N, C-alpha and C. Protein backbone atom coordinates (compact mmCIF):
# COMPACT_ATOMS: atom_id res chain seq x y z
N UNK A 1 13.86 3.04 -2.14
CA UNK A 1 12.38 3.23 -0.82
C UNK A 1 12.09 1.66 -0.57
N UNK A 2 10.79 1.22 -0.21
CA UNK A 2 10.53 0.78 0.06
C UNK A 2 9.81 -1.09 -1.30
N UNK A 3 10.29 -1.09 -2.54
CA UNK A 3 9.92 -1.92 -3.30
C UNK A 3 9.96 -3.47 -2.49
N UNK A 4 8.82 -4.06 -3.02
CA UNK A 4 8.48 -4.92 -2.52
C UNK A 4 8.31 -5.00 -0.44
N UNK A 5 8.18 -4.29 -0.24
CA UNK A 5 7.66 -4.17 1.50
C UNK A 5 5.84 -4.52 1.36
N UNK A 6 5.49 -5.38 1.56
CA UNK A 6 4.23 -6.05 2.38
C UNK A 6 3.54 -4.39 3.34
N UNK A 7 2.73 -4.23 2.14
CA UNK A 7 1.82 -2.81 2.33
C UNK A 7 0.40 -2.97 3.51
N UNK A 8 0.27 -2.61 4.92
CA UNK A 8 -0.02 -3.03 5.75
C UNK A 8 -1.31 -2.60 6.02
N UNK A 9 -2.58 -1.77 6.30
CA UNK A 9 -3.08 -1.88 6.90
C UNK A 9 -3.11 -1.45 8.24
N UNK A 10 -2.95 0.28 9.18
CA UNK A 10 -3.23 0.60 9.91
C UNK A 10 -3.83 -0.06 10.70
N UNK A 11 -4.87 -0.21 10.84
CA UNK A 11 -6.22 0.04 11.78
C UNK A 11 -6.40 -2.08 11.98
N UNK A 12 -5.02 -2.44 11.51
CA UNK A 12 -5.48 -3.94 11.02
C UNK A 12 -4.41 -3.95 10.47
N UNK A 13 -3.31 -4.50 12.05
CA UNK A 13 -2.03 -4.58 11.33
C UNK A 13 -1.59 -6.35 10.49
N UNK A 14 -2.35 -6.90 11.40
CA UNK A 14 -2.48 -8.53 10.24
C UNK A 14 -2.65 -8.76 8.92
N UNK A 15 -3.30 -7.05 8.55
CA UNK A 15 -4.14 -7.29 6.90
C UNK A 15 -3.08 -7.18 6.64
N UNK A 16 -2.22 -7.64 5.35
CA UNK A 16 -1.93 -7.16 4.34
C UNK A 16 -2.36 -6.66 2.97
N UNK A 17 -2.30 -6.00 2.60
CA UNK A 17 -3.35 -5.95 1.61
C UNK A 17 -2.89 -5.29 -0.17
N UNK A 18 -0.99 -6.13 0.12
CA UNK A 18 -0.83 -5.75 -0.71
C UNK A 18 0.32 -5.26 -1.06
N UNK A 19 0.98 -4.73 -2.10
CA UNK A 19 2.67 -4.89 -1.47
C UNK A 19 3.72 -3.41 -3.20
N UNK A 20 4.96 -2.95 -2.02
CA UNK A 20 4.26 -1.71 -2.67
C UNK A 20 5.78 -2.20 -3.83
N UNK A 21 5.82 -2.08 -4.99
CA UNK A 21 5.97 -2.27 -6.14
C UNK A 21 7.18 -1.21 -6.24
N UNK A 22 6.29 0.60 -6.18
CA UNK A 22 7.54 1.71 -7.10
C UNK A 22 6.70 2.90 -6.64
N UNK A 23 7.31 3.89 -6.27
CA UNK A 23 7.36 5.52 -6.57
C UNK A 23 7.01 6.06 -7.43
N UNK A 24 6.47 6.92 -7.55
CA UNK A 24 5.34 7.67 -8.03
C UNK A 24 5.30 9.08 -7.77
N UNK A 25 5.66 10.41 -8.01
CA UNK A 25 5.47 11.54 -7.43
C UNK A 25 5.98 11.10 -5.98
N UNK A 26 4.80 11.74 -5.41
CA UNK A 26 4.18 11.80 -3.89
C UNK A 26 3.31 10.26 -3.74
N UNK A 27 3.69 9.39 -4.40
CA UNK A 27 2.75 8.34 -3.96
C UNK A 27 3.31 7.07 -4.07
N UNK A 28 2.28 5.85 -3.72
CA UNK A 28 3.55 4.48 -4.45
C UNK A 28 2.17 3.98 -4.39
N UNK A 29 3.00 2.93 -4.93
CA UNK A 29 2.13 2.09 -6.27
C UNK A 29 2.45 0.67 -5.91
N UNK A 30 0.76 0.14 -5.75
CA UNK A 30 1.05 -1.08 -4.51
C UNK A 30 0.20 -2.05 -4.87
N UNK A 31 0.17 -2.65 -5.69
CA UNK A 31 -0.60 -4.20 -6.49
C UNK A 31 -0.70 -4.24 -4.82
N UNK A 32 -1.96 -6.20 -5.17
CA UNK A 32 -2.35 -7.28 -4.05
C UNK A 32 -2.08 -8.69 -4.49
N UNK A 33 -1.42 -8.78 -5.72
CA UNK A 33 -0.39 -9.91 -6.36
C UNK A 33 0.70 -9.43 -7.34
N UNK A 34 1.61 -9.27 -6.98
CA UNK A 34 2.66 -8.98 -7.57
C UNK A 34 2.72 -10.10 -9.01
N UNK A 35 1.71 -10.59 -8.94
CA UNK A 35 2.01 -11.30 -10.12
C UNK A 35 0.75 -11.34 -11.23
N UNK A 36 -0.08 -11.48 -11.01
CA UNK A 36 -1.72 -11.55 -11.65
C UNK A 36 -2.12 -9.51 -11.34
N UNK A 37 -2.02 -8.85 -10.35
CA UNK A 37 -1.71 -7.23 -10.57
C UNK A 37 -3.59 -6.76 -10.71
N UNK A 38 -4.47 -7.92 -10.17
CA UNK A 38 -5.74 -7.35 -10.47
C UNK A 38 -6.32 -6.14 -9.39
N UNK A 39 -6.16 -6.56 -8.27
CA UNK A 39 -6.20 -4.51 -7.86
C UNK A 39 -4.68 -3.48 -7.26
N UNK A 40 -5.14 -2.81 -8.56
CA UNK A 40 -3.63 -1.74 -8.52
C UNK A 40 -3.87 -0.70 -7.78
N UNK A 41 -3.00 -0.15 -7.03
CA UNK A 41 -3.92 1.65 -6.30
C UNK A 41 -2.01 2.17 -6.31
N UNK A 42 -3.05 3.93 -6.14
CA UNK A 42 -2.01 5.29 -6.23
C UNK A 42 -2.32 5.58 -4.74
N UNK A 43 -1.98 5.08 -3.78
CA UNK A 43 -1.81 5.54 -1.95
C UNK A 43 -0.89 6.95 -2.99
N UNK A 44 -1.17 8.10 -2.24
CA UNK A 44 -0.10 8.94 -1.38
C UNK A 44 0.37 8.01 -0.41
N UNK A 45 2.29 9.39 -0.54
CA UNK A 45 2.93 9.32 1.04
C UNK A 45 2.45 9.40 1.83
N UNK A 46 1.57 10.58 2.07
CA UNK A 46 0.60 11.18 3.16
C UNK A 46 -0.33 10.64 3.76
N UNK A 47 -0.97 8.63 3.43
CA UNK A 47 -0.89 7.91 3.82
C UNK A 47 -0.39 7.53 4.53
N UNK A 48 1.06 6.99 4.06
CA UNK A 48 1.97 6.39 5.00
C UNK A 48 1.59 6.66 6.87
N UNK A 49 1.37 5.97 7.45
CA UNK A 49 1.38 6.00 9.12
C UNK A 49 2.47 6.11 9.22
N UNK A 50 3.24 5.04 8.77
CA UNK A 50 4.68 4.60 9.88
C UNK A 50 5.40 3.05 9.46
N UNK A 51 6.28 3.18 9.44
CA UNK A 51 6.88 2.15 8.64
C UNK A 51 7.68 2.13 9.67
N UNK A 52 8.45 0.22 10.11
CA UNK A 52 9.43 -0.33 10.10
C UNK A 52 9.29 -2.25 10.00
N UNK A 53 10.56 -2.62 9.99
CA UNK A 53 10.87 -4.22 9.67
C UNK A 53 10.56 -3.84 8.00
N UNK A 54 11.02 -2.68 6.77
CA UNK A 54 10.54 -2.81 5.63
C UNK A 54 9.46 -3.33 5.63
N UNK A 55 8.01 -2.74 6.36
CA UNK A 55 6.41 -2.87 5.80
C UNK A 55 6.16 -1.13 6.50
N UNK A 56 5.36 -1.07 5.43
CA UNK A 56 4.38 -0.03 5.05
C UNK A 56 2.81 -0.10 6.09
N UNK A 57 2.74 0.57 6.91
CA UNK A 57 1.19 1.14 7.65
C UNK A 57 0.70 1.90 7.14
N UNK A 58 0.03 1.97 6.43
CA UNK A 58 -0.99 2.70 5.57
C UNK A 58 -2.18 3.08 6.78
N UNK A 59 -2.51 4.60 6.88
CA UNK A 59 -4.22 4.67 7.22
C UNK A 59 -4.97 4.87 6.24
N UNK A 60 -4.97 3.97 5.92
CA UNK A 60 -6.64 4.07 4.86
C UNK A 60 -7.44 2.64 5.54
N UNK A 61 -9.18 3.27 5.15
CA UNK A 61 -9.56 1.71 6.58
C UNK A 61 -9.79 1.44 4.68
N UNK A 62 -10.13 -0.01 4.50
CA UNK A 62 -10.05 -0.66 3.11
C UNK A 62 -11.15 -0.77 2.54
N UNK A 63 -12.29 0.09 3.78
CA UNK A 63 -13.67 0.47 2.63
C UNK A 63 -13.23 1.51 1.29
N UNK A 64 -11.87 2.12 2.05
CA UNK A 64 -12.42 3.10 1.05
C UNK A 64 -10.43 3.43 -0.02
N UNK A 65 -10.52 1.57 -0.21
CA UNK A 65 -9.15 1.60 -1.21
C UNK A 65 -9.46 1.91 -2.06
N UNK A 66 -10.60 0.45 -2.66
CA UNK A 66 -11.02 1.47 -4.30
C UNK A 66 -10.84 2.63 -4.72
N UNK A 67 -10.96 3.91 -3.32
CA UNK A 67 -10.88 5.51 -3.76
C UNK A 67 -9.27 5.13 -5.26
N UNK A 68 -8.53 4.60 -4.88
CA UNK A 68 -6.77 5.17 -4.96
C UNK A 68 -7.38 3.98 -5.92
N UNK A 69 -8.05 2.78 -6.75
CA UNK A 69 -7.52 1.97 -7.21
C UNK A 69 -7.45 2.64 -8.58
N UNK A 70 -6.32 1.97 -9.67
CA UNK A 70 -6.48 2.57 -10.81
C UNK A 70 -5.75 1.75 -12.01
């Protein structure tokens, strides 16, 4: 899949909120920092709006990221 791919918010394509590090069933695991991992998100694959050049764009508002935090 797209391990170590930048995860960006679709509404603001310049805003990287983390890096995809793994896949778990129908979800992608995204961390905000690969070393510290202060925030870890479990985001459904259905929230991937599109991808290109090894970047994933998620259709998730920044204000709702906390809903996916684990």
